[in-house]
Amino acid sequence: MKKLFTAMLLLVSAVACNKSEEFTRQTTEPLVLTGYCAAESRTHFGTPGASQIPYFWSAGDYIWLGSVQSNPLSEDCRQAQFVWNNPPSTIGDFHLFYNMTGSNKTAKVLAEQSADGNLGNDGDFGYAVADEFGIFCLDHKTSYIWFDTKSNEQLPMLTTITVTVAEGLALAGECVFDYENNAWESSVVNGTNQITLDFGEGVALQSANEGVFAAMVTLPAAIGGTELTVVYTFADGSTYSEVKQPQKDLTAGDTQRISTTIALADLTKPEPELPYELRILTFEDQDVKFYPYTLDYAGVEITKWSELIDNPQYGGPLTYGDYSNTAYTWWDEGNTELCHTFPYNYAYCFWGGGHAISNYWGEGWSDEDRDKHIAKYYGEDYVTENAGNDQMLGWFNLQLMIPVEAHSGSNFAVHYGYKDDNSYVENLPELSFGDDMARVIDHMWVTNTNYTLNQLYNGVKSEAGNSFGGNWEGLTEDAWLKLVAQGFDDVNADAYAEPISEVEFYLVQGEEVVTDWQKWDLSGLGAVKKVRFNFLYSDEMGGRYGFTIPGYFAYDDIAVRFEK
């Protein structure tokens, strides 16, 4: 019963049928009850005519008399004769129930429904009382959503429509109908707030429909004033979503009509299936997969990423130690396999370059901000006692700080180090794959540090630690600063090896400066075993000792491709 709605239909309350007194059958002959098919019954809808819609019972329909099921109908018909070969001896008031998925007084509305139009198979439910002549008209007690879905363009085949309402509301599930009180019981077994209508291999949308395009059956639900989300999915995986705000509830026997015209430009294309898995190095403790290890020079066991964050930021025991033997190291073993150790530049120490894990951040990079941040991490008394002393209050004390929160979570990494014709550096900081495999690094997120931003905007100060021998006074239209990543196919490539690939990223272009997280695409490096990082800069950023600006940048959420 209840096949595809093919025209606009106004629901009319079921015809009241006369009750009879209780009957006791005195014969063993089959029992025959006749169900008339009219607009009130809303059974199988035929093709609309010029002025009317024909209605039929559907082949396969059956009804229950009390708890005894009739024989199924053999064909579609306007007037159905339901037969019981073994009817109950006591008929009572001819209480009749229709539910092809349940039994007796139980409706079982399915969460996965077919768009073949036969809502009886999806959980349609009705109740009737036959008169003394064995005639009845069915009163439907479930609710319905009709879809009038169209398109003026050629779209991919529509494969499913999914409707979702607020949590706590049940569109589908099993529920018992209390016919004596003409109401549903309150409890729903296996209730769900979502129903999907399946069109099989798909159906083409037209610019106009003859009546209703498709329909689903639901349990009555109080959806008035809530949000109803409808998602249309097409054969190529693209989708169209809309949110409706119904003004009325889904009441027994009532219908919500959803009319939608979808344009090709409305579709959200699916993300292409990638031939690889992306693994992300987040630097977050909950993502740790490496085995615990010890930084011998500091006597510290590392079991999670946050234990690699040094305090203080300058001169700390993890990144500086004795200023010569701090071989700070980490390895994202079991995940991206990326690893790093401070490079050797006359010693192992962060002043020679490296990638340190950090969670320090604070807004602003003016000198006033500097004092505020130092007070936060070193104490108010420290700032007061060292007022005017650049050696104690210089920005280098905040070298692991960025002006925004981590790209995700709390932690990130800070790179320090550069190599040019005037620097003493021999080995640039690098990331390598600890298992000696060549892989593509897809991307990372990068930003400037507060220290670098202070110097970029305000010029290089004479404060201790900032005398780079340059005359940088601040940004100009011609200024530029960029990162360069160099890829190598040999994890043991020395400081003078030629890279097999390079990609670049601008931190400064004229007066445009990166102050938040930006995505840097590293896939152009190809499959590599390690990557070195350096700075390139415009002439005015160079000085007597080379690069004038502090050579720092921060990065987070490095994505590595693993072939499937």
Protein backbone atom coordinates (compact mmCIF):
# COMPACT_ATOMS: atom_id res chain seq x y z
CA MET A 1 0.00 0.00 0.00
CA LYS A 2 0.88 3.62 -0.20
CA LYS A 3 2.87 3.58 -3.43
CA LEU A 4 4.53 6.63 -5.00
CA PHE A 5 2.64 9.87 -4.55
CA THR A 6 2.35 11.18 -8.10
CA ALA A 7 0.25 14.32 -7.65
CA MET A 8 -0.48 17.12 -5.21
CA LEU A 9 -2.87 15.59 -2.68
CA LEU A 10 -4.76 17.24 0.15
CA LEU A 11 -5.17 14.89 3.07
CA VAL A 12 -8.68 14.41 4.28
CA SER A 13 -9.63 12.90 7.62
CA ALA A 14 -10.59 9.24 7.41
CA VAL A 15 -14.25 8.42 6.91
CA ALA A 16 -15.82 7.33 10.15
CA CYS A 17 -16.99 3.71 9.87
CA ASN A 18 -19.75 2.35 12.08
CA LYS A 19 -18.81 0.03 14.87
CA SER A 20 -20.72 -3.17 15.35
CA GLU A 21 -21.45 -5.30 18.34
CA GLU A 22 -19.19 -8.23 19.09
CA PHE A 23 -19.77 -11.12 16.71
CA THR A 24 -19.13 -14.80 17.32
CA ARG A 25 -18.72 -16.72 14.08
CA GLN A 26 -20.71 -19.92 13.79
CA THR A 27 -19.03 -21.05 10.55
CA THR A 28 -15.67 -22.29 9.39
CA GLU A 29 -15.97 -20.53 6.05
CA PRO A 30 -13.27 -17.95 5.18
CA LEU A 31 -13.93 -14.43 6.42
CA VAL A 32 -14.01 -11.65 3.82
CA LEU A 33 -13.84 -7.95 4.67
CA THR A 34 -13.97 -5.27 2.02
CA GLY A 35 -11.75 -2.20 2.09
CA TYR A 36 -12.83 0.65 -0.12
CA CYS A 37 -10.10 2.72 -1.64
CA ALA A 38 -10.82 6.43 -1.56
CA ALA A 39 -8.84 9.63 -1.03
CA GLU A 40 -9.19 9.13 2.69
CA SER A 41 -7.30 5.85 2.53
CA ARG A 42 -4.40 7.14 0.43
CA THR A 43 -3.32 3.72 -0.74
CA HIS A 44 -1.59 3.08 -4.09
CA PHE A 45 -1.80 6.27 -6.16
CA GLY A 46 -2.20 5.82 -9.89
CA THR A 47 -1.25 8.26 -12.64
CA PRO A 48 -3.16 11.54 -12.24
CA GLY A 49 -5.87 12.26 -14.79
CA ALA A 50 -7.10 15.60 -16.00
CA SER A 51 -9.14 16.26 -12.92
CA GLN A 52 -8.61 13.44 -10.45
CA ILE A 53 -6.16 10.99 -8.99
CA PRO A 54 -7.06 7.28 -9.00
CA TYR A 55 -6.44 5.31 -5.82
CA PHE A 56 -5.77 1.60 -5.44
CA TRP A 57 -4.84 -1.00 -2.90
CA SER A 58 -1.46 -2.55 -3.73
CA ALA A 59 -0.65 -6.12 -4.60
CA GLY A 60 0.91 -7.72 -1.50
CA ASP A 61 -1.13 -5.61 0.96
CA TYR A 62 -2.58 -7.40 3.96
CA ILE A 63 -4.28 -6.30 7.17
CA TRP A 64 -4.61 -7.69 10.68
CA LEU A 65 -7.88 -8.58 12.35
CA GLY A 66 -6.89 -8.34 15.98
CA SER A 67 -3.75 -10.44 15.93
CA VAL A 68 -4.58 -12.56 12.90
CA GLN A 69 -3.15 -11.61 9.50
CA SER A 70 -5.19 -11.76 6.29
CA ASN A 71 -4.00 -13.29 3.04
CA PRO A 72 -2.07 -10.78 0.91
CA LEU A 73 -3.77 -9.20 -2.08
CA SER A 74 -2.81 -10.67 -5.43
CA GLU A 75 -3.21 -7.47 -7.48
CA ASP A 76 -3.77 -3.74 -7.35
CA CYS A 77 -7.41 -2.85 -6.94
CA ARG A 78 -9.79 -0.07 -5.97
CA GLN A 79 -11.96 -2.33 -3.82
CA ALA A 80 -10.00 -4.95 -1.91
CA GLN A 81 -11.41 -8.10 -0.44
CA PHE A 82 -9.21 -9.23 2.43
CA VAL A 83 -9.60 -12.92 3.19
CA TRP A 84 -8.86 -14.90 6.34
CA ASN A 85 -8.87 -18.64 5.76
CA ASN A 86 -8.60 -19.26 9.50
CA PRO A 87 -10.19 -16.23 11.15
CA PRO A 88 -10.61 -15.90 14.90
CA SER A 89 -13.92 -17.26 16.17
CA THR A 90 -14.61 -14.06 18.06
CA ILE A 91 -14.39 -11.08 15.77
CA GLY A 92 -15.21 -8.40 18.27
CA ASP A 93 -15.69 -4.97 16.75
CA PHE A 94 -13.74 -5.83 13.59
CA HIS A 95 -10.65 -3.85 14.75
CA LEU A 96 -8.32 -3.80 11.74
CA PHE A 97 -4.65 -2.81 11.57
CA TYR A 98 -2.46 -2.21 8.55
CA ASN A 99 1.35 -2.47 8.90
CA MET A 100 3.38 -4.56 6.47
CA THR A 101 6.62 -4.27 8.48
CA GLY A 102 5.21 -4.83 11.96
CA SER A 103 2.58 -7.07 13.50
CA ASN A 104 -0.87 -6.37 14.86
CA LYS A 105 -0.80 -2.97 16.61
CA THR A 106 2.95 -2.32 16.17
CA ALA A 107 4.27 0.01 13.49
CA LYS A 108 7.88 -0.50 12.40
CA VAL A 109 8.94 2.55 10.40
CA LEU A 110 12.26 1.87 8.69
CA ALA A 111 15.26 4.22 8.83
CA GLU A 112 16.31 3.00 5.36
CA GLN A 113 13.39 3.25 2.94
CA SER A 114 13.01 2.48 -0.75
CA ALA A 115 11.76 5.12 -3.17
CA ASP A 116 9.77 2.49 -5.08
CA GLY A 117 6.62 4.17 -3.78
CA ASN A 118 5.33 1.30 -1.64
CA LEU A 119 5.28 2.88 1.78
CA GLY A 120 3.67 -0.22 3.23
CA ASN A 121 7.06 -1.92 2.97
CA ASP A 122 8.63 1.04 4.80
CA GLY A 123 6.27 1.06 7.80
CA ASP A 124 3.00 2.73 6.76
CA PHE A 125 0.41 2.13 9.48
CA GLY A 126 -3.39 2.50 9.62
CA TYR A 127 -6.41 1.54 11.73
CA ALA A 128 -10.05 0.95 10.91
CA VAL A 129 -13.25 -0.55 12.30
CA ALA A 130 -15.36 -2.52 9.83
CA ASP A 131 -19.14 -2.15 9.96
CA GLU A 132 -21.62 -4.98 10.31
CA PHE A 133 -21.42 -5.52 6.57
CA GLY A 134 -17.66 -6.07 6.72
CA ILE A 135 -16.81 -2.78 5.01
CA PHE A 136 -14.12 -0.35 6.19
CA CYS A 137 -12.04 2.68 5.19
CA LEU A 138 -8.49 2.84 6.50
CA ASP A 139 -7.42 5.74 8.77
CA HIS A 140 -3.65 6.30 8.50
CA LYS A 141 -1.81 6.92 11.77
CA THR A 142 1.72 7.48 10.53
CA SER A 143 2.96 10.73 8.97
CA TYR A 144 4.48 11.47 5.57
CA ILE A 145 7.05 13.69 3.92
CA TRP A 146 6.50 14.37 0.22
CA PHE A 147 9.33 15.59 -2.01
CA ASP A 148 8.70 17.68 -5.09
CA THR A 149 12.31 17.76 -6.27
CA LYS A 150 13.15 19.33 -9.64
CA SER A 151 15.99 20.73 -11.72
CA ASN A 152 16.09 22.86 -14.84
CA GLU A 153 19.53 21.46 -15.69
CA GLN A 154 20.93 18.03 -16.36
CA LEU A 155 22.24 16.77 -13.03
CA PRO A 156 23.76 13.41 -12.10
CA MET A 157 21.21 10.78 -11.10
CA LEU A 158 19.71 11.35 -7.65
CA THR A 159 20.44 8.31 -5.47
CA THR A 160 19.26 9.19 -1.94
CA ILE A 161 17.41 11.82 0.08
CA THR A 162 18.21 11.92 3.81
CA VAL A 163 16.07 13.79 6.33
CA THR A 164 17.37 14.56 9.83
CA VAL A 165 15.52 16.26 12.68
CA ALA A 166 16.64 17.30 16.15
CA GLU A 167 18.15 14.78 18.55
CA GLY A 168 15.52 13.25 20.80
CA LEU A 169 12.84 13.14 18.09
CA ALA A 170 12.04 9.77 16.50
CA LEU A 171 11.17 9.68 12.81
CA ALA A 172 11.69 5.91 12.58
CA GLY A 173 11.54 2.96 14.95
CA GLU A 174 8.96 0.63 16.47
CA CYS A 175 5.93 2.03 18.26
CA VAL A 176 2.63 0.54 19.52
CA PHE A 177 -0.71 2.12 18.61
CA ASP A 178 -3.24 2.33 21.45
CA TYR A 179 -6.42 2.09 19.38
CA GLU A 180 -8.74 2.36 22.40
CA ASN A 181 -7.42 5.89 23.05
CA ASN A 182 -6.64 6.61 19.40
CA ALA A 183 -3.04 7.52 20.30
CA TRP A 184 0.52 6.21 20.07
CA GLU A 185 2.29 4.92 23.13
CA SER A 186 5.14 7.22 24.23
CA SER A 187 8.04 4.77 23.98
CA VAL A 188 9.82 4.10 20.67
CA VAL A 189 12.11 1.08 20.32
CA ASN A 190 15.26 1.60 18.21
CA GLY A 191 14.20 5.16 17.53
CA THR A 192 16.24 7.35 15.17
CA ASN A 193 15.96 10.99 14.13
CA GLN A 194 17.04 10.25 10.53
CA ILE A 195 15.52 8.51 7.52
CA THR A 196 17.18 7.87 4.15
CA LEU A 197 15.11 7.37 1.01
CA ASP A 198 16.99 5.19 -1.51
CA PHE A 199 16.47 5.52 -5.28
CA GLY A 200 18.60 2.48 -6.12
CA GLU A 201 20.68 3.19 -9.20
CA GLY A 202 19.26 6.70 -9.27
CA VAL A 203 16.57 8.78 -10.91
CA ALA A 204 16.86 11.81 -13.19
CA LEU A 205 15.36 15.09 -11.99
CA GLN A 206 12.96 16.89 -14.32
CA SER A 207 12.00 20.56 -14.61
CA ALA A 208 8.44 19.65 -13.61
CA ASN A 209 6.81 16.67 -11.94
CA GLU A 210 3.39 15.18 -12.41
CA GLY A 211 2.39 15.33 -8.79
CA VAL A 212 4.74 14.31 -6.01
CA PHE A 213 8.22 13.10 -6.96
CA ALA A 214 8.87 10.79 -3.96
CA ALA A 215 7.70 10.19 -0.42
CA MET A 216 8.71 8.64 2.89
CA VAL A 217 6.69 7.48 5.88
CA THR A 218 7.54 8.63 9.43
CA LEU A 219 6.29 8.27 12.94
CA PRO A 220 4.39 11.34 14.15
CA ALA A 221 6.92 13.79 15.62
CA ALA A 222 6.86 17.30 17.10
CA ILE A 223 9.11 18.98 14.52
CA GLY A 224 7.28 22.32 14.36
CA GLY A 225 9.68 25.19 15.05
CA THR A 226 12.75 22.96 14.83
CA GLU A 227 15.27 22.55 12.02
CA LEU A 228 14.80 19.82 9.44
CA THR A 229 17.93 19.07 7.38
CA VAL A 230 17.58 17.50 3.94
CA VAL A 231 20.59 16.11 2.06
CA TYR A 232 20.29 15.08 -1.59
CA THR A 233 23.05 12.73 -2.77
CA PHE A 234 23.84 12.10 -6.43
CA ALA A 235 25.47 9.24 -8.31
CA ASP A 236 28.81 11.04 -8.67
CA GLY A 237 28.99 11.57 -4.89
CA SER A 238 28.05 15.25 -5.01
CA THR A 239 25.45 16.54 -2.56
CA TYR A 240 23.00 19.37 -2.00
CA SER A 241 21.89 20.29 1.53
CA GLU A 242 19.12 22.52 2.75
CA VAL A 243 17.65 23.36 6.14
CA LYS A 244 13.91 23.74 6.54
CA GLN A 245 12.03 25.16 9.52
CA PRO A 246 8.63 23.44 9.59
CA GLN A 247 5.78 25.45 11.01
CA LYS A 248 3.74 22.39 11.99
CA ASP A 249 4.33 18.99 13.58
CA LEU A 250 4.24 15.66 11.79
CA THR A 251 0.84 14.59 13.11
CA ALA A 252 -0.89 11.26 12.48
CA GLY A 253 -2.09 11.08 8.88
CA ASP A 254 -0.61 14.49 8.03
CA THR A 255 2.01 15.39 5.45
CA GLN A 256 4.95 17.76 5.14
CA ARG A 257 5.67 18.81 1.56
CA ILE A 258 9.22 19.82 0.58
CA SER A 259 9.57 21.52 -2.80
CA THR A 260 13.09 22.09 -4.08
CA THR A 261 14.66 23.08 -7.38
CA ILE A 262 18.35 22.19 -7.51
CA ALA A 263 20.84 23.84 -9.87
CA LEU A 264 24.12 22.32 -10.98
CA ALA A 265 26.00 25.14 -9.24
CA ASP A 266 24.29 24.20 -5.95
CA LEU A 267 26.01 20.83 -5.77
CA THR A 268 28.93 20.26 -3.45
CA LYS A 269 31.43 18.11 -5.26
CA PRO A 270 32.93 15.19 -3.33
CA GLU A 271 36.55 15.24 -2.40
CA PRO A 272 38.42 12.96 -4.80
CA GLU A 273 39.60 9.71 -3.28
CA LEU A 274 43.32 10.02 -2.72
CA PRO A 275 45.76 7.22 -3.45
CA TYR A 276 47.46 7.94 -0.15
CA GLU A 277 46.74 8.43 3.54
CA LEU A 278 47.66 11.72 5.18
CA ARG A 279 49.27 11.39 8.61
CA ILE A 280 49.58 14.55 10.67
CA LEU A 281 52.28 15.51 13.16
CA THR A 282 50.35 17.69 15.62
CA PHE A 283 52.86 17.84 18.51
CA GLU A 284 49.92 17.13 20.86
CA ASP A 285 50.30 14.79 23.83
CA GLN A 286 47.16 12.80 22.97
CA ASP A 287 48.72 11.94 19.59
CA VAL A 288 52.00 10.57 20.96
CA LYS A 289 53.07 7.28 19.41
CA PHE A 290 56.83 7.34 20.05
CA TYR A 291 58.51 5.26 22.74
CA PRO A 292 59.82 7.08 25.83
CA TYR A 293 63.46 8.16 25.54
CA THR A 294 65.99 10.20 27.53
CA LEU A 295 67.78 13.44 26.75
CA ASP A 296 70.99 12.29 28.41
CA TYR A 297 72.61 15.70 28.66
CA ALA A 298 69.63 16.96 30.69
CA GLY A 299 68.79 13.71 32.47
CA VAL A 300 65.16 14.08 31.38
CA GLU A 301 62.88 11.27 30.19
CA ILE A 302 60.56 12.30 27.35
CA THR A 303 57.22 10.48 27.23
CA LYS A 304 55.08 13.14 25.52
CA TRP A 305 55.52 16.24 23.35
CA SER A 306 54.91 18.82 26.09
CA GLU A 307 57.92 17.48 28.00
CA LEU A 308 60.10 18.89 25.18
CA ILE A 309 58.96 22.47 25.89
CA ASP A 310 61.83 24.35 27.52
CA ASN A 311 61.54 26.84 30.37
CA PRO A 312 62.88 29.50 30.22
CA GLN A 313 62.70 30.08 26.49
CA TYR A 314 66.28 31.33 26.36
CA GLY A 315 69.02 29.48 28.20
CA GLY A 316 66.73 26.64 29.24
CA PRO A 317 68.06 23.20 30.26
CA LEU A 318 66.61 21.37 27.23
CA THR A 319 67.58 23.68 24.35
CA TYR A 320 70.75 25.26 25.84
CA GLY A 321 72.00 23.15 28.75
CA ASP A 322 75.75 23.78 28.93
CA TYR A 323 75.58 25.72 25.60
CA SER A 324 77.66 23.10 23.76
CA ASN A 325 76.34 19.53 24.19
CA THR A 326 72.54 19.92 24.04
CA ALA A 327 71.67 17.41 21.30
CA TYR A 328 67.94 18.06 21.59
CA THR A 329 66.06 15.46 19.53
CA TRP A 330 62.60 14.10 18.76
CA TRP A 331 61.05 11.44 16.47
CA ASP A 332 57.38 11.05 15.56
CA GLU A 333 57.88 7.31 15.45
CA GLY A 334 54.91 5.21 14.43
CA ASN A 335 53.11 8.16 12.85
CA THR A 336 54.71 10.47 10.26
CA GLU A 337 58.20 9.07 11.07
CA LEU A 338 59.57 12.65 10.89
CA CYS A 339 62.47 13.26 13.23
CA HIS A 340 64.83 16.08 14.14
CA THR A 341 68.07 16.66 16.05
CA PHE A 342 69.75 20.02 16.58
CA PRO A 343 72.39 20.40 13.83
CA TYR A 344 76.06 20.53 14.76
CA ASN A 345 77.42 24.06 14.30
CA TYR A 346 80.61 24.12 16.37
CA ALA A 347 78.45 22.59 19.11
CA TYR A 348 74.97 21.23 19.76
CA CYS A 349 72.83 24.07 21.06
CA PHE A 350 69.80 26.08 19.98
CA TRP A 351 72.00 29.10 19.29
CA GLY A 352 73.34 27.04 16.38
CA GLY A 353 69.86 26.30 15.04
CA GLY A 354 67.18 23.71 15.49
CA HIS A 355 63.49 22.95 15.92
CA ALA A 356 62.22 23.35 19.47
CA ILE A 357 58.75 22.36 20.64
CA SER A 358 56.77 25.24 22.17
CA ASN A 359 53.39 26.29 23.47
CA TYR A 360 54.27 29.94 24.19
CA TRP A 361 52.00 32.49 22.58
CA GLY A 362 50.68 35.99 23.23
CA GLU A 363 49.18 38.78 21.16
CA GLY A 364 51.31 41.75 20.13
CA TRP A 365 54.95 42.38 19.22
CA SER A 366 55.63 45.97 20.32
CA ASP A 367 58.22 46.76 23.00
CA GLU A 368 55.36 47.30 25.44
CA ASP A 369 54.04 43.87 24.54
CA ARG A 370 57.53 42.47 25.13
CA ASP A 371 57.55 43.69 28.74
CA LYS A 372 54.05 42.34 29.27
CA HIS A 373 54.98 38.90 27.91
CA ILE A 374 58.22 38.75 29.89
CA ALA A 375 56.29 39.64 33.02
CA LYS A 376 53.90 36.77 32.26
CA TYR A 377 56.64 34.16 31.94
CA TYR A 378 59.39 35.60 34.17
CA GLY A 379 57.34 37.55 36.73
CA GLU A 380 56.50 41.22 37.35
CA ASP A 381 59.44 41.64 39.72
CA TYR A 382 61.84 40.47 36.99
CA VAL A 383 60.66 43.27 34.68
CA THR A 384 60.83 45.88 37.44
CA GLU A 385 64.29 44.84 38.59
CA ASN A 386 65.71 44.86 35.04
CA ALA A 387 63.97 47.91 33.62
CA GLY A 388 66.08 49.43 30.83
CA ASN A 389 68.44 46.45 30.71
CA ASP A 390 68.23 45.05 27.19
CA GLN A 391 70.48 42.17 28.12
CA MET A 392 67.83 40.96 30.54
CA LEU A 393 64.66 42.15 28.77
CA GLY A 394 65.55 41.62 25.10
CA TRP A 395 63.09 39.93 22.72
CA PHE A 396 65.39 36.92 22.50
CA ASN A 397 64.01 35.95 25.91
CA LEU A 398 60.72 35.26 24.08
CA GLN A 399 62.19 33.46 21.09
CA LEU A 400 59.73 30.53 21.27
CA MET A 401 56.60 32.74 21.26
CA ILE A 402 54.12 33.29 18.45
CA PRO A 403 51.32 35.92 18.24
CA VAL A 404 48.47 33.38 17.79
CA GLU A 405 47.46 30.10 19.36
CA ALA A 406 48.75 26.84 17.92
CA HIS A 407 47.18 25.88 14.61
CA SER A 408 45.58 22.96 16.45
CA GLY A 409 45.74 21.98 20.10
CA SER A 410 48.40 23.74 22.19
CA ASN A 411 51.82 22.80 20.84
CA PHE A 412 53.87 23.65 17.76
CA ALA A 413 57.53 23.83 16.71
CA VAL A 414 59.83 26.85 16.33
CA HIS A 415 62.64 26.82 13.78
CA TYR A 416 65.77 28.88 14.32
CA GLY A 417 68.66 28.98 11.91
CA TYR A 418 69.78 30.30 8.53
CA LYS A 419 72.76 30.01 6.25
CA ASP A 420 74.14 32.70 3.92
CA ASP A 421 77.54 33.92 2.70
CA ASN A 422 78.28 35.77 5.93
CA SER A 423 77.04 33.36 8.59
CA TYR A 424 79.12 30.89 10.57
CA VAL A 425 76.48 28.19 10.18
CA GLU A 426 77.49 25.04 8.30
CA ASN A 427 74.50 22.74 8.88
CA LEU A 428 70.93 23.93 8.45
CA PRO A 429 68.12 22.56 10.63
CA GLU A 430 66.37 19.68 8.90
CA LEU A 431 63.53 17.19 9.14
CA SER A 432 64.21 13.62 8.05
CA PHE A 433 62.37 10.32 8.01
CA GLY A 434 63.66 8.21 10.86
CA ASP A 435 63.00 4.95 9.02
CA ASP A 436 65.08 6.10 6.00
CA MET A 437 62.10 5.95 3.62
CA ALA A 438 61.41 8.55 0.92
CA ARG A 439 57.98 10.18 1.24
CA VAL A 440 56.07 13.24 0.09
CA ILE A 441 55.49 15.89 2.76
CA ASP A 442 52.15 17.30 1.69
CA HIS A 443 52.08 20.56 3.65
CA MET A 444 52.68 22.32 6.95
CA TRP A 445 51.20 25.43 8.56
CA VAL A 446 53.62 28.28 9.21
CA THR A 447 53.70 31.72 10.84
CA ASN A 448 56.14 34.35 12.11
CA THR A 449 57.25 34.64 15.73
CA ASN A 450 56.69 37.75 17.88
CA TYR A 451 60.46 38.31 17.99
CA THR A 452 60.71 38.36 14.19
CA LEU A 453 57.63 40.57 13.82
CA ASN A 454 59.02 43.12 16.28
CA GLN A 455 62.18 43.46 14.22
CA LEU A 456 60.35 43.49 10.88
CA TYR A 457 58.01 46.29 11.88
CA ASN A 458 60.24 48.36 14.16
CA GLY A 459 63.69 47.82 12.70
CA VAL A 460 66.70 46.13 14.26
CA LYS A 461 67.41 47.52 17.71
CA SER A 462 70.76 47.98 19.40
CA GLU A 463 69.61 45.92 22.35
CA ALA A 464 71.86 43.05 23.36
CA GLY A 465 71.41 40.01 21.20
CA ASN A 466 70.03 42.02 18.26
CA SER A 467 73.20 43.63 16.85
CA PHE A 468 73.29 41.94 13.48
CA GLY A 469 75.33 44.70 11.85
CA GLY A 470 72.51 45.87 9.60
CA ASN A 471 70.72 49.17 9.15
CA TRP A 472 67.19 47.76 8.87
CA GLU A 473 64.66 50.40 9.87
CA GLY A 474 61.39 48.69 9.05
CA LEU A 475 59.23 47.49 6.16
CA THR A 476 59.33 49.06 2.70
CA GLU A 477 57.47 48.27 -0.50
CA ASP A 478 60.55 46.48 -1.83
CA ALA A 479 61.12 44.25 1.19
CA TRP A 480 60.65 40.51 0.97
CA LEU A 481 61.45 37.53 3.12
CA LYS A 482 60.80 33.93 2.26
CA LEU A 483 61.39 30.43 3.50
CA VAL A 484 63.01 27.85 1.27
CA ALA A 485 62.67 24.09 1.78
CA GLN A 486 65.25 21.86 0.10
CA GLY A 487 64.57 18.19 -0.54
CA PHE A 488 67.21 15.43 -0.51
CA ASP A 489 67.01 11.78 -1.54
CA ASP A 490 69.83 10.77 0.80
CA VAL A 491 69.23 10.98 4.53
CA ASN A 492 73.01 11.27 5.03
CA ALA A 493 73.48 14.12 2.52
CA ASP A 494 76.12 16.48 3.94
CA ALA A 495 76.00 20.26 4.29
CA TYR A 496 77.29 20.80 0.75
CA ALA A 497 75.07 18.32 -1.10
CA GLU A 498 72.85 19.71 -3.84
CA PRO A 499 69.11 19.37 -3.19
CA ILE A 500 66.95 17.47 -5.67
CA SER A 501 64.05 19.93 -5.23
CA GLU A 502 63.08 23.24 -3.65
CA VAL A 503 59.87 25.06 -2.73
CA GLU A 504 59.47 28.56 -1.29
CA PHE A 505 57.02 30.49 0.85
CA TYR A 506 56.84 34.28 1.44
CA LEU A 507 56.67 35.48 5.03
CA VAL A 508 57.00 39.11 3.89
CA GLN A 509 56.01 40.71 0.59
CA GLY A 510 56.43 44.47 0.74
CA GLU A 511 54.36 45.61 3.69
CA GLU A 512 52.28 42.42 3.72
CA VAL A 513 53.46 40.23 6.59
CA VAL A 514 52.25 36.82 7.81
CA THR A 515 50.89 37.20 11.32
CA ASP A 516 48.59 34.14 11.43
CA TRP A 517 48.79 30.53 10.29
CA GLN A 518 49.28 29.98 6.56
CA LYS A 519 49.36 26.67 4.70
CA TRP A 520 52.66 25.93 2.93
CA ASP A 521 52.37 23.32 0.18
CA LEU A 522 55.48 21.15 0.28
CA SER A 523 54.32 18.48 -2.16
CA GLY A 524 56.45 20.06 -4.89
CA LEU A 525 59.51 18.62 -3.19
CA GLY A 526 58.40 15.16 -4.32
CA ALA A 527 59.40 12.02 -2.46
CA VAL A 528 62.39 12.89 -0.27
CA LYS A 529 64.21 11.44 2.70
CA LYS A 530 64.89 14.76 4.37
CA VAL A 531 64.19 18.50 4.10
CA ARG A 532 66.36 21.46 5.10
CA PHE A 533 64.97 24.93 5.82
CA ASN A 534 66.59 28.30 5.16
CA PHE A 535 65.72 31.99 4.70
CA LEU A 536 66.10 34.14 1.60
CA TYR A 537 65.73 37.91 1.91
CA SER A 538 65.84 41.24 0.10
CA ASP A 539 69.09 43.24 0.11
CA GLU A 540 68.08 45.73 2.76
CA MET A 541 67.53 42.88 5.24
CA GLY A 542 71.23 41.97 5.02
CA GLY A 543 74.00 43.45 7.12
CA ARG A 544 77.66 43.10 7.96
CA TYR A 545 77.08 39.64 9.37
CA GLY A 546 74.47 38.54 6.83
CA PHE A 547 70.75 38.20 7.60
CA THR A 548 69.69 41.10 9.83
CA ILE A 549 66.28 39.81 10.91
CA PRO A 550 66.14 37.05 13.57
CA GLY A 551 65.86 33.77 11.64
CA TYR A 552 62.79 32.23 13.26
CA PHE A 553 59.49 30.83 12.05
CA ALA A 554 56.94 28.50 13.65
CA TYR A 555 55.22 25.48 12.11
CA ASP A 556 52.47 23.06 13.07
CA ASP A 557 50.41 20.15 11.72
CA ILE A 558 52.83 18.68 9.20
CA ALA A 559 51.05 16.28 6.82
CA VAL A 560 52.91 13.35 5.25
CA ARG A 561 51.62 11.10 2.49
CA PHE A 562 51.66 7.33 3.03
CA GLU A 563 50.80 5.33 -0.06
CA LYS A 564 47.76 3.07 0.33
